[in-house]
Amino acid sequence: MHAHPDDETINNGATMAMYADLGVHVTLVTCTRGEEGEVLVPGLSHLASSETDRLGEHRISELAAAMNELGISDYRFLGADNIKFRDSGMMGTEPNNRPDVFWQADLDEAAKLLVDVIHEVKPHVLLTYDENGGYGHPDHIQAHRVAMRAAELADKWKISKIYWNAIPKSVIAQGIEALKESGSSFFGADSADDIPFAKDDALVTAVVDGTEYVDRKMAAMKAHETQIALDGPFFALSNNLGNQVWGNEYYILVSGSAAAPFDKDGRETDLFAGLVP
């Protein structure tokens, strides 16, 4: 469950590709088309919401290309073909107040749309954001609320395990130091404490080793060309730490029971561990 196209690849790209390759049915639900995103490709700047307002249409095609790279065939927008919710923009901006944005959606109305998906695909595991949406974006916070509410309302199917995306502070710190040594920075941060989505290591309960799928994740990131700059901090991390920095993806288990196998830090290494096939 993600807010905008590209969020899924950054947070869960390797996880999605790995499990899909293992034969798991992976369903991606995206809540908006990302109409308010910043356009990082100069030649496409006319797509911005302040100009022709056609970025959402373009990002649908970017998402399709990214899912092709990850091997995901079941991806859909919340509300299916009738895309109901518009990108709300960053917190405190004017788009927050539009009546058609996701931030303004009625919680139960939006959750019932996801309940329909849950009843259809019967997921054993749900991945979404934490209560702050990772970094405080309205659509990320709303995606968290909708996902968690939908899990409550789904009376025909109980999701066995629910995880929130996370990145340990130790991983962020390693990246920041590597970029400092190269004369670059990770979003201008001096330390992991400056990154809102960095979590204390003790809070992180699971890690998926998707290093074999990093190339596919990076290809999917490149597919989101308007949102992820090839010379930006994400690819700078890869240049300084190697692509494997994006291979390990971390989670916090918030519903269900942890089960072996565990890594040396006591973290689950399989999100489906303990579940009966």
C-alpha atoms as a PDB file:
ATOM      1  CA  MET A   1       0.000   0.000   0.000  1.00  0.00           C
ATOM      2  CA  HIS A   2       1.706   3.172  -1.195  1.00  0.00           C
ATOM      3  CA  ALA A   3       0.857   6.823  -1.644  1.00  0.00           C
ATOM      4  CA  HIS A   4       2.380   7.674  -5.038  1.00  0.00           C
ATOM      5  CA  PRO A   5       4.121   5.943  -7.945  1.00  0.00           C
ATOM      6  CA  ASP A   6       7.837   5.490  -7.056  1.00  0.00           C
ATOM      7  CA  ASP A   7       7.233   4.995  -3.305  1.00  0.00           C
ATOM      8  CA  GLU A   8       6.833   1.270  -3.868  1.00  0.00           C
ATOM      9  CA  THR A   9      10.199   0.871  -5.584  1.00  0.00           C
ATOM     10  CA  ILE A  10      12.163   2.946  -3.076  1.00  0.00           C
ATOM     11  CA  ASN A  11      10.646   1.171  -0.063  1.00  0.00           C
ATOM     12  CA  ASN A  12       9.927  -2.363  -1.232  1.00  0.00           C
ATOM     13  CA  GLY A  13      11.338  -2.858  -4.737  1.00  0.00           C
ATOM     14  CA  ALA A  14      13.717  -5.691  -3.891  1.00  0.00           C
ATOM     15  CA  THR A  15      11.190  -7.336  -1.564  1.00  0.00           C
ATOM     16  CA  MET A  16       8.480  -7.260  -4.227  1.00  0.00           C
ATOM     17  CA  ALA A  17      10.769  -8.605  -6.938  1.00  0.00           C
ATOM     18  CA  MET A  18      12.112 -11.386  -4.732  1.00  0.00           C
ATOM     19  CA  TYR A  19       8.762 -12.676  -3.546  1.00  0.00           C
ATOM     20  CA  ALA A  20       7.233 -12.419  -7.008  1.00  0.00           C
ATOM     21  CA  ASP A  21      10.147 -14.463  -8.339  1.00  0.00           C
ATOM     22  CA  LEU A  22       9.473 -17.065  -5.635  1.00  0.00           C
ATOM     23  CA  GLY A  23       5.897 -17.416  -6.840  1.00  0.00           C
ATOM     24  CA  VAL A  24       4.162 -15.232  -4.247  1.00  0.00           C
ATOM     25  CA  HIS A  25       1.212 -13.216  -5.553  1.00  0.00           C
ATOM     26  CA  VAL A  26       2.210  -9.580  -4.955  1.00  0.00           C
ATOM     27  CA  THR A  27      -0.452  -6.879  -5.204  1.00  0.00           C
ATOM     28  CA  LEU A  28       0.507  -3.206  -5.230  1.00  0.00           C
ATOM     29  CA  VAL A  29      -2.154  -0.638  -4.339  1.00  0.00           C
ATOM     30  CA  THR A  30      -1.215   2.993  -5.065  1.00  0.00           C
ATOM     31  CA  CYS A  31      -3.442   5.689  -3.594  1.00  0.00           C
ATOM     32  CA  THR A  32      -2.802   8.615  -5.979  1.00  0.00           C
ATOM     33  CA  ARG A  33      -1.131   9.314  -9.299  1.00  0.00           C
ATOM     34  CA  GLY A  34       1.333  11.754  -7.741  1.00  0.00           C
ATOM     35  CA  GLU A  35       0.066  14.836  -9.587  1.00  0.00           C
ATOM     36  CA  GLU A  36       1.850  17.275  -7.250  1.00  0.00           C
ATOM     37  CA  GLY A  37       5.294  15.726  -7.541  1.00  0.00           C
ATOM     38  CA  GLU A  38       8.322  17.775  -8.526  1.00  0.00           C
ATOM     39  CA  VAL A  39       9.381  17.166 -12.134  1.00  0.00           C
ATOM     40  CA  LEU A  40      13.124  16.488 -12.220  1.00  0.00           C
ATOM     41  CA  VAL A  41      13.398  16.137 -16.002  1.00  0.00           C
ATOM     42  CA  PRO A  42      13.629  19.630 -17.573  1.00  0.00           C
ATOM     43  CA  GLY A  43      12.139  18.455 -20.844  1.00  0.00           C
ATOM     44  CA  LEU A  44       9.031  17.279 -18.999  1.00  0.00           C
ATOM     45  CA  SER A  45       8.552  20.323 -16.764  1.00  0.00           C
ATOM     46  CA  HIS A  46       5.416  21.242 -18.700  1.00  0.00           C
ATOM     47  CA  LEU A  47       3.664  18.268 -17.057  1.00  0.00           C
ATOM     48  CA  ALA A  48       3.749  19.897 -13.615  1.00  0.00           C
ATOM     49  CA  SER A  49       0.534  20.752 -11.791  1.00  0.00           C
ATOM     50  CA  SER A  50       1.410  24.431 -12.121  1.00  0.00           C
ATOM     51  CA  GLU A  51       1.465  24.112 -15.922  1.00  0.00           C
ATOM     52  CA  THR A  52      -0.505  21.509 -17.922  1.00  0.00           C
ATOM     53  CA  ASP A  53      -1.251  19.345 -14.867  1.00  0.00           C
ATOM     54  CA  ARG A  54      -0.570  16.116 -16.749  1.00  0.00           C
ATOM     55  CA  LEU A  55       2.085  14.659 -14.465  1.00  0.00           C
ATOM     56  CA  GLY A  56      -0.342  12.104 -13.049  1.00  0.00           C
ATOM     57  CA  GLU A  57      -0.953  10.611 -16.464  1.00  0.00           C
ATOM     58  CA  HIS A  58       2.783  10.372 -17.070  1.00  0.00           C
ATOM     59  CA  ARG A  59       3.456   8.758 -13.728  1.00  0.00           C
ATOM     60  CA  ILE A  60       0.977   5.993 -14.526  1.00  0.00           C
ATOM     61  CA  SER A  61       3.252   4.996 -17.398  1.00  0.00           C
ATOM     62  CA  GLU A  62       6.329   5.270 -15.165  1.00  0.00           C
ATOM     63  CA  LEU A  63       4.693   2.947 -12.662  1.00  0.00           C
ATOM     64  CA  ALA A  64       3.880   0.437 -15.387  1.00  0.00           C
ATOM     65  CA  ALA A  65       7.500   0.459 -16.559  1.00  0.00           C
ATOM     66  CA  ALA A  66       8.780   0.035 -13.002  1.00  0.00           C
ATOM     67  CA  MET A  67       6.445  -2.884 -12.330  1.00  0.00           C
ATOM     68  CA  ASN A  68       7.627  -4.540 -15.518  1.00  0.00           C
ATOM     69  CA  GLU A  69      11.191  -4.324 -14.200  1.00  0.00           C
ATOM     70  CA  LEU A  70      10.166  -5.839 -10.854  1.00  0.00           C
ATOM     71  CA  GLY A  71       8.017  -8.557 -12.372  1.00  0.00           C
ATOM     72  CA  ILE A  72       4.772  -7.365 -10.777  1.00  0.00           C
ATOM     73  CA  SER A  73       1.622  -7.831 -12.846  1.00  0.00           C
ATOM     74  CA  ASP A  74      -1.033  -7.003 -10.228  1.00  0.00           C
ATOM     75  CA  TYR A  75      -0.765  -3.275  -9.587  1.00  0.00           C
ATOM     76  CA  ARG A  76      -3.745  -1.004  -9.241  1.00  0.00           C
ATOM     77  CA  PHE A  77      -4.850   2.376  -7.950  1.00  0.00           C
ATOM     78  CA  LEU A  78      -7.141   2.689  -4.948  1.00  0.00           C
ATOM     79  CA  GLY A  79     -10.600   2.677  -6.491  1.00  0.00           C
ATOM     80  CA  ALA A  80      -9.392   0.605  -9.474  1.00  0.00           C
ATOM     81  CA  ASP A  81      -9.977   2.211 -12.889  1.00  0.00           C
ATOM     82  CA  ASN A  82     -11.901   5.057 -11.311  1.00  0.00           C
ATOM     83  CA  ILE A  83      -8.943   6.794  -9.670  1.00  0.00           C
ATOM     84  CA  LYS A  84     -10.679   8.619  -6.844  1.00  0.00           C
ATOM     85  CA  PHE A  85      -7.992  10.548  -5.035  1.00  0.00           C
ATOM     86  CA  ARG A  86      -5.571  13.259  -6.112  1.00  0.00           C
ATOM     87  CA  ASP A  87      -2.087  13.820  -4.726  1.00  0.00           C
ATOM     88  CA  SER A  88      -2.324  16.141  -1.698  1.00  0.00           C
ATOM     89  CA  GLY A  89       1.091  17.767  -2.055  1.00  0.00           C
ATOM     90  CA  MET A  90       3.519  18.330   0.811  1.00  0.00           C
ATOM     91  CA  MET A  91       2.164  19.121   4.266  1.00  0.00           C
ATOM     92  CA  GLY A  92       1.064  22.738   4.673  1.00  0.00           C
ATOM     93  CA  THR A  93       0.725  23.485   0.949  1.00  0.00           C
ATOM     94  CA  GLU A  94      -2.370  24.741  -0.846  1.00  0.00           C
ATOM     95  CA  PRO A  95      -3.252  21.416  -2.530  1.00  0.00           C
ATOM     96  CA  ASN A  96      -3.918  19.962   0.948  1.00  0.00           C
ATOM     97  CA  ASN A  97      -7.207  21.878   0.949  1.00  0.00           C
ATOM     98  CA  ARG A  98      -8.640  20.601  -2.331  1.00  0.00           C
ATOM     99  CA  PRO A  99     -11.740  18.450  -1.714  1.00  0.00           C
ATOM    100  CA  ASP A 100     -10.552  15.754  -4.153  1.00  0.00           C
ATOM    101  CA  VAL A 101      -7.160  15.051  -2.556  1.00  0.00           C
ATOM    102  CA  PHE A 102      -6.379  11.885  -0.615  1.00  0.00           C
ATOM    103  CA  TRP A 103      -5.678  13.837   2.569  1.00  0.00           C
ATOM    104  CA  GLN A 104      -9.310  15.007   2.583  1.00  0.00           C
ATOM    105  CA  ALA A 105     -10.766  11.540   1.927  1.00  0.00           C
ATOM    106  CA  ASP A 106     -13.211  10.044   4.384  1.00  0.00           C
ATOM    107  CA  LEU A 107     -11.227   7.363   6.200  1.00  0.00           C
ATOM    108  CA  ASP A 108     -13.847   4.644   6.140  1.00  0.00           C
ATOM    109  CA  GLU A 109     -14.838   5.364   2.537  1.00  0.00           C
ATOM    110  CA  ALA A 110     -11.230   4.996   1.402  1.00  0.00           C
ATOM    111  CA  ALA A 111     -10.649   1.989   3.641  1.00  0.00           C
ATOM    112  CA  LYS A 112     -13.647   0.158   2.180  1.00  0.00           C
ATOM    113  CA  LEU A 113     -12.070   0.471  -1.268  1.00  0.00           C
ATOM    114  CA  LEU A 114      -9.026  -1.358   0.080  1.00  0.00           C
ATOM    115  CA  VAL A 115     -11.243  -3.875   1.879  1.00  0.00           C
ATOM    116  CA  ASP A 116     -12.578  -4.870  -1.545  1.00  0.00           C
ATOM    117  CA  VAL A 117      -9.003  -5.629  -2.630  1.00  0.00           C
ATOM    118  CA  ILE A 118      -8.276  -7.541   0.572  1.00  0.00           C
ATOM    119  CA  HIS A 119     -11.376  -9.701   0.121  1.00  0.00           C
ATOM    120  CA  GLU A 120     -10.383 -10.331  -3.496  1.00  0.00           C
ATOM    121  CA  VAL A 121      -6.703 -11.246  -3.161  1.00  0.00           C
ATOM    122  CA  LYS A 122      -6.705 -12.507   0.468  1.00  0.00           C
ATOM    123  CA  PRO A 123      -3.226 -11.296   1.434  1.00  0.00           C
ATOM    124  CA  HIS A 124      -1.321 -12.997   4.225  1.00  0.00           C
ATOM    125  CA  VAL A 125       1.034 -10.027   4.634  1.00  0.00           C
ATOM    126  CA  LEU A 126       0.416  -6.280   4.383  1.00  0.00           C
ATOM    127  CA  LEU A 127       3.210  -3.719   3.956  1.00  0.00           C
ATOM    128  CA  THR A 128       2.613  -0.014   4.507  1.00  0.00           C
ATOM    129  CA  TYR A 129       4.034   3.077   6.252  1.00  0.00           C
ATOM    130  CA  ASP A 130       4.257   3.914   9.938  1.00  0.00           C
ATOM    131  CA  GLU A 131       1.904   6.378  11.615  1.00  0.00           C
ATOM    132  CA  ASN A 132       3.976   9.343  10.392  1.00  0.00           C
ATOM    133  CA  GLY A 133       3.991   8.058   6.831  1.00  0.00           C
ATOM    134  CA  GLY A 134       7.765   7.761   7.041  1.00  0.00           C
ATOM    135  CA  TYR A 135       8.457  11.473   6.719  1.00  0.00           C
ATOM    136  CA  GLY A 136       5.194  13.301   7.326  1.00  0.00           C
ATOM    137  CA  HIS A 137       3.734  13.559   3.833  1.00  0.00           C
ATOM    138  CA  PRO A 138      -0.087  13.809   4.094  1.00  0.00           C
ATOM    139  CA  ASP A 139      -0.677  11.051   1.555  1.00  0.00           C
ATOM    140  CA  HIS A 140       1.740   8.711   3.306  1.00  0.00           C
ATOM    141  CA  ILE A 141       0.052   9.324   6.651  1.00  0.00           C
ATOM    142  CA  GLN A 142      -3.348   8.769   5.041  1.00  0.00           C
ATOM    143  CA  ALA A 143      -2.142   5.593   3.321  1.00  0.00           C
ATOM    144  CA  HIS A 144      -1.088   4.271   6.730  1.00  0.00           C
ATOM    145  CA  ARG A 145      -4.459   5.146   8.244  1.00  0.00           C
ATOM    146  CA  VAL A 146      -6.404   3.633   5.365  1.00  0.00           C
ATOM    147  CA  ALA A 147      -4.348   0.435   5.319  1.00  0.00           C
ATOM    148  CA  MET A 148      -4.675  -0.133   9.044  1.00  0.00           C
ATOM    149  CA  ARG A 149      -8.397   0.695   9.041  1.00  0.00           C
ATOM    150  CA  ALA A 150      -9.011  -1.613   6.097  1.00  0.00           C
ATOM    151  CA  ALA A 151      -7.295  -4.467   7.943  1.00  0.00           C
ATOM    152  CA  GLU A 152      -9.780  -3.883  10.782  1.00  0.00           C
ATOM    153  CA  LEU A 153     -12.821  -3.693   8.501  1.00  0.00           C
ATOM    154  CA  ALA A 154     -12.006  -6.742   6.383  1.00  0.00           C
ATOM    155  CA  ASP A 155     -14.434  -9.149   8.048  1.00  0.00           C
ATOM    156  CA  LYS A 156     -14.075 -11.897   5.418  1.00  0.00           C
ATOM    157  CA  TRP A 157     -10.292 -12.160   5.621  1.00  0.00           C
ATOM    158  CA  LYS A 158      -7.817 -11.581   8.447  1.00  0.00           C
ATOM    159  CA  ILE A 159      -4.342 -10.478   7.397  1.00  0.00           C
ATOM    160  CA  SER A 160      -1.871 -12.609   9.349  1.00  0.00           C
ATOM    161  CA  LYS A 161       1.059 -10.156   9.528  1.00  0.00           C
ATOM    162  CA  ILE A 162       1.322  -6.407   9.052  1.00  0.00           C
ATOM    163  CA  TYR A 163       4.654  -4.625   8.650  1.00  0.00           C
ATOM    164  CA  TRP A 164       5.614  -0.974   8.441  1.00  0.00           C
ATOM    165  CA  ASN A 165       8.507   0.179   6.252  1.00  0.00           C
ATOM    166  CA  ALA A 166      11.616   1.229   8.153  1.00  0.00           C
ATOM    167  CA  ILE A 167      15.280   2.086   7.679  1.00  0.00           C
ATOM    168  CA  PRO A 168      17.613   1.644  10.687  1.00  0.00           C
ATOM    169  CA  LYS A 169      19.621   4.667  11.787  1.00  0.00           C
ATOM    170  CA  SER A 170      22.824   2.662  11.463  1.00  0.00           C
ATOM    171  CA  VAL A 171      22.181   2.123   7.748  1.00  0.00           C
ATOM    172  CA  ILE A 172      21.380   5.803   7.194  1.00  0.00           C
ATOM    173  CA  ALA A 173      24.489   6.825   9.158  1.00  0.00           C
ATOM    174  CA  GLN A 174      26.695   4.614   7.000  1.00  0.00           C
ATOM    175  CA  GLY A 175      25.279   6.212   3.862  1.00  0.00           C
ATOM    176  CA  ILE A 176      25.665   9.762   5.163  1.00  0.00           C
ATOM    177  CA  GLU A 177      29.308   9.199   6.083  1.00  0.00           C
ATOM    178  CA  ALA A 178      30.079   7.645   2.709  1.00  0.00           C
ATOM    179  CA  LEU A 179      28.533  10.587   0.894  1.00  0.00           C
ATOM    180  CA  LYS A 180      30.369  13.098   3.084  1.00  0.00           C
ATOM    181  CA  GLU A 181      33.656  11.464   2.138  1.00  0.00           C
ATOM    182  CA  SER A 182      32.776  11.922  -1.519  1.00  0.00           C
ATOM    183  CA  GLY A 183      31.813  15.565  -1.011  1.00  0.00           C
ATOM    184  CA  SER A 184      28.112  14.876  -1.417  1.00  0.00           C
ATOM    185  CA  SER A 185      25.204  14.591   1.006  1.00  0.00           C
ATOM    186  CA  PHE A 186      22.009  12.666   1.623  1.00  0.00           C
ATOM    187  CA  PHE A 187      19.283  15.331   1.430  1.00  0.00           C
ATOM    188  CA  GLY A 188      21.653  17.716   3.210  1.00  0.00           C
ATOM    189  CA  ALA A 189      21.623  15.692   6.442  1.00  0.00           C
ATOM    190  CA  ASP A 190      24.573  15.807   8.842  1.00  0.00           C
ATOM    191  CA  SER A 191      23.487  12.738  10.789  1.00  0.00           C
ATOM    192  CA  ALA A 192      20.849  10.011  10.814  1.00  0.00           C
ATOM    193  CA  ASP A 193      18.969  11.999  13.455  1.00  0.00           C
ATOM    194  CA  ASP A 194      18.221  14.581  10.752  1.00  0.00           C
ATOM    195  CA  ILE A 195      16.367  12.017   8.622  1.00  0.00           C
ATOM    196  CA  PRO A 196      12.710  11.682   9.686  1.00  0.00           C
ATOM    197  CA  PHE A 197      12.281   8.143   8.400  1.00  0.00           C
ATOM    198  CA  ALA A 198      15.381   6.770  10.157  1.00  0.00           C
ATOM    199  CA  LYS A 199      14.369   4.405  12.974  1.00  0.00           C
ATOM    200  CA  ASP A 200      16.299   3.339  16.052  1.00  0.00           C
ATOM    201  CA  ASP A 201      17.828  -0.017  15.217  1.00  0.00           C
ATOM    202  CA  ALA A 202      16.104  -1.650  18.187  1.00  0.00           C
ATOM    203  CA  LEU A 203      12.687  -0.917  16.668  1.00  0.00           C
ATOM    204  CA  VAL A 204      13.418  -2.705  13.390  1.00  0.00           C
ATOM    205  CA  THR A 205      12.244  -6.322  13.577  1.00  0.00           C
ATOM    206  CA  ALA A 206      12.688  -7.711  10.058  1.00  0.00           C
ATOM    207  CA  VAL A 207      15.042  -7.480   7.106  1.00  0.00           C
ATOM    208  CA  VAL A 208      14.628  -8.912   3.629  1.00  0.00           C
ATOM    209  CA  ASP A 209      17.853  -9.695   1.792  1.00  0.00           C
ATOM    210  CA  GLY A 210      16.995  -8.807  -1.782  1.00  0.00           C
ATOM    211  CA  THR A 211      20.549  -8.177  -2.958  1.00  0.00           C
ATOM    212  CA  GLU A 212      20.047 -10.536  -5.910  1.00  0.00           C
ATOM    213  CA  TYR A 213      17.304  -8.187  -7.100  1.00  0.00           C
ATOM    214  CA  VAL A 214      19.101  -4.866  -6.729  1.00  0.00           C
ATOM    215  CA  ASP A 215      19.673  -4.469 -10.468  1.00  0.00           C
ATOM    216  CA  ARG A 216      15.956  -4.823 -11.072  1.00  0.00           C
ATOM    217  CA  LYS A 217      15.186  -2.373  -8.274  1.00  0.00           C
ATOM    218  CA  MET A 218      17.586   0.178  -9.709  1.00  0.00           C
ATOM    219  CA  ALA A 219      16.059  -0.273 -13.168  1.00  0.00           C
ATOM    220  CA  ALA A 220      12.632   0.320 -11.635  1.00  0.00           C
ATOM    221  CA  MET A 221      13.901   3.457  -9.911  1.00  0.00           C
ATOM    222  CA  LYS A 222      15.207   4.725 -13.234  1.00  0.00           C
ATOM    223  CA  ALA A 223      11.752   4.119 -14.726  1.00  0.00           C
ATOM    224  CA  HIS A 224      10.415   6.786 -12.352  1.00  0.00           C
ATOM    225  CA  GLU A 225      12.420   9.364 -14.271  1.00  0.00           C
ATOM    226  CA  THR A 226      10.432  12.449 -13.267  1.00  0.00           C
ATOM    227  CA  GLN A 227      10.869  11.700  -9.553  1.00  0.00           C
ATOM    228  CA  ILE A 228      14.267  10.076  -9.032  1.00  0.00           C
ATOM    229  CA  ALA A 229      17.281  11.904 -10.444  1.00  0.00           C
ATOM    230  CA  LEU A 230      20.123   9.744 -11.698  1.00  0.00           C
ATOM    231  CA  ASP A 231      22.564  12.192 -10.096  1.00  0.00           C
ATOM    232  CA  GLY A 232      20.488  12.534  -6.913  1.00  0.00           C
ATOM    233  CA  PRO A 233      21.071  11.105  -3.405  1.00  0.00           C
ATOM    234  CA  PHE A 234      19.593   7.665  -4.103  1.00  0.00           C
ATOM    235  CA  PHE A 235      21.981   6.872  -6.934  1.00  0.00           C
ATOM    236  CA  ALA A 236      24.815   8.691  -5.142  1.00  0.00           C
ATOM    237  CA  LEU A 237      24.465   6.136  -2.355  1.00  0.00           C
ATOM    238  CA  SER A 238      24.793   3.365  -4.912  1.00  0.00           C
ATOM    239  CA  ASN A 239      27.892   4.967  -6.375  1.00  0.00           C
ATOM    240  CA  ASN A 240      29.535   5.221  -2.951  1.00  0.00           C
ATOM    241  CA  LEU A 241      28.363   2.056  -1.222  1.00  0.00           C
ATOM    242  CA  GLY A 242      27.553  -0.131  -4.187  1.00  0.00           C
ATOM    243  CA  ASN A 243      24.100  -1.177  -5.327  1.00  0.00           C
ATOM    244  CA  GLN A 244      23.834  -3.612  -2.423  1.00  0.00           C
ATOM    245  CA  VAL A 245      22.876  -0.675  -0.170  1.00  0.00           C
ATOM    246  CA  TRP A 246      19.416  -0.948  -1.726  1.00  0.00           C
ATOM    247  CA  GLY A 247      19.212  -4.727  -1.463  1.00  0.00           C
ATOM    248  CA  ASN A 248      18.367  -5.008   2.226  1.00  0.00           C
ATOM    249  CA  GLU A 249      14.876  -3.697   3.006  1.00  0.00           C
ATOM    250  CA  TYR A 250      13.762  -3.291   6.600  1.00  0.00           C
ATOM    251  CA  TYR A 251      10.446  -3.556   8.408  1.00  0.00           C
ATOM    252  CA  ILE A 252       8.709  -3.330  11.767  1.00  0.00           C
ATOM    253  CA  LEU A 253       6.205  -6.087  12.595  1.00  0.00           C
ATOM    254  CA  VAL A 254       3.113  -4.467  14.155  1.00  0.00           C
ATOM    255  CA  SER A 255       0.547  -7.265  13.865  1.00  0.00           C
ATOM    256  CA  GLY A 256       1.078 -11.008  13.953  1.00  0.00           C
ATOM    257  CA  SER A 257       3.880 -13.106  15.389  1.00  0.00           C
ATOM    258  CA  ALA A 258       7.544 -13.124  14.446  1.00  0.00           C
ATOM    259  CA  ALA A 259       8.979 -16.487  13.429  1.00  0.00           C
ATOM    260  CA  ALA A 260      12.323 -18.034  12.477  1.00  0.00           C
ATOM    261  CA  PRO A 261      14.544 -17.720  10.576  1.00  0.00           C
ATOM    262  CA  PHE A 262      16.202 -14.758  12.282  1.00  0.00           C
ATOM    263  CA  ASP A 263      19.461 -12.987  11.486  1.00  0.00           C
ATOM    264  CA  LYS A 264      22.278 -12.393  13.978  1.00  0.00           C
ATOM    265  CA  ASP A 265      20.445  -9.300  15.270  1.00  0.00           C
ATOM    266  CA  GLY A 266      17.282 -11.263  15.964  1.00  0.00           C
ATOM    267  CA  ARG A 267      15.373  -9.876  12.980  1.00  0.00           C
ATOM    268  CA  GLU A 268      13.023 -11.962  10.872  1.00  0.00           C
ATOM    269  CA  THR A 269      14.417 -12.659   7.423  1.00  0.00           C
ATOM    270  CA  ASP A 270      11.201 -13.937   5.805  1.00  0.00           C
ATOM    271  CA  LEU A 271       8.007 -11.866   6.041  1.00  0.00           C
ATOM    272  CA  PHE A 272       5.930 -15.027   5.516  1.00  0.00           C
ATOM    273  CA  ALA A 273       7.711 -17.009   8.257  1.00  0.00           C
ATOM    274  CA  GLY A 274       5.372 -18.871  10.548  1.00  0.00           C
ATOM    275  CA  LEU A 275       2.444 -18.799   8.134  1.00  0.00           C
ATOM    276  CA  VAL A 276       0.758 -21.946   6.855  1.00  0.00           C
ATOM    277  CA  PRO A 277       0.821 -22.042   3.012  1.00  0.00           C
END
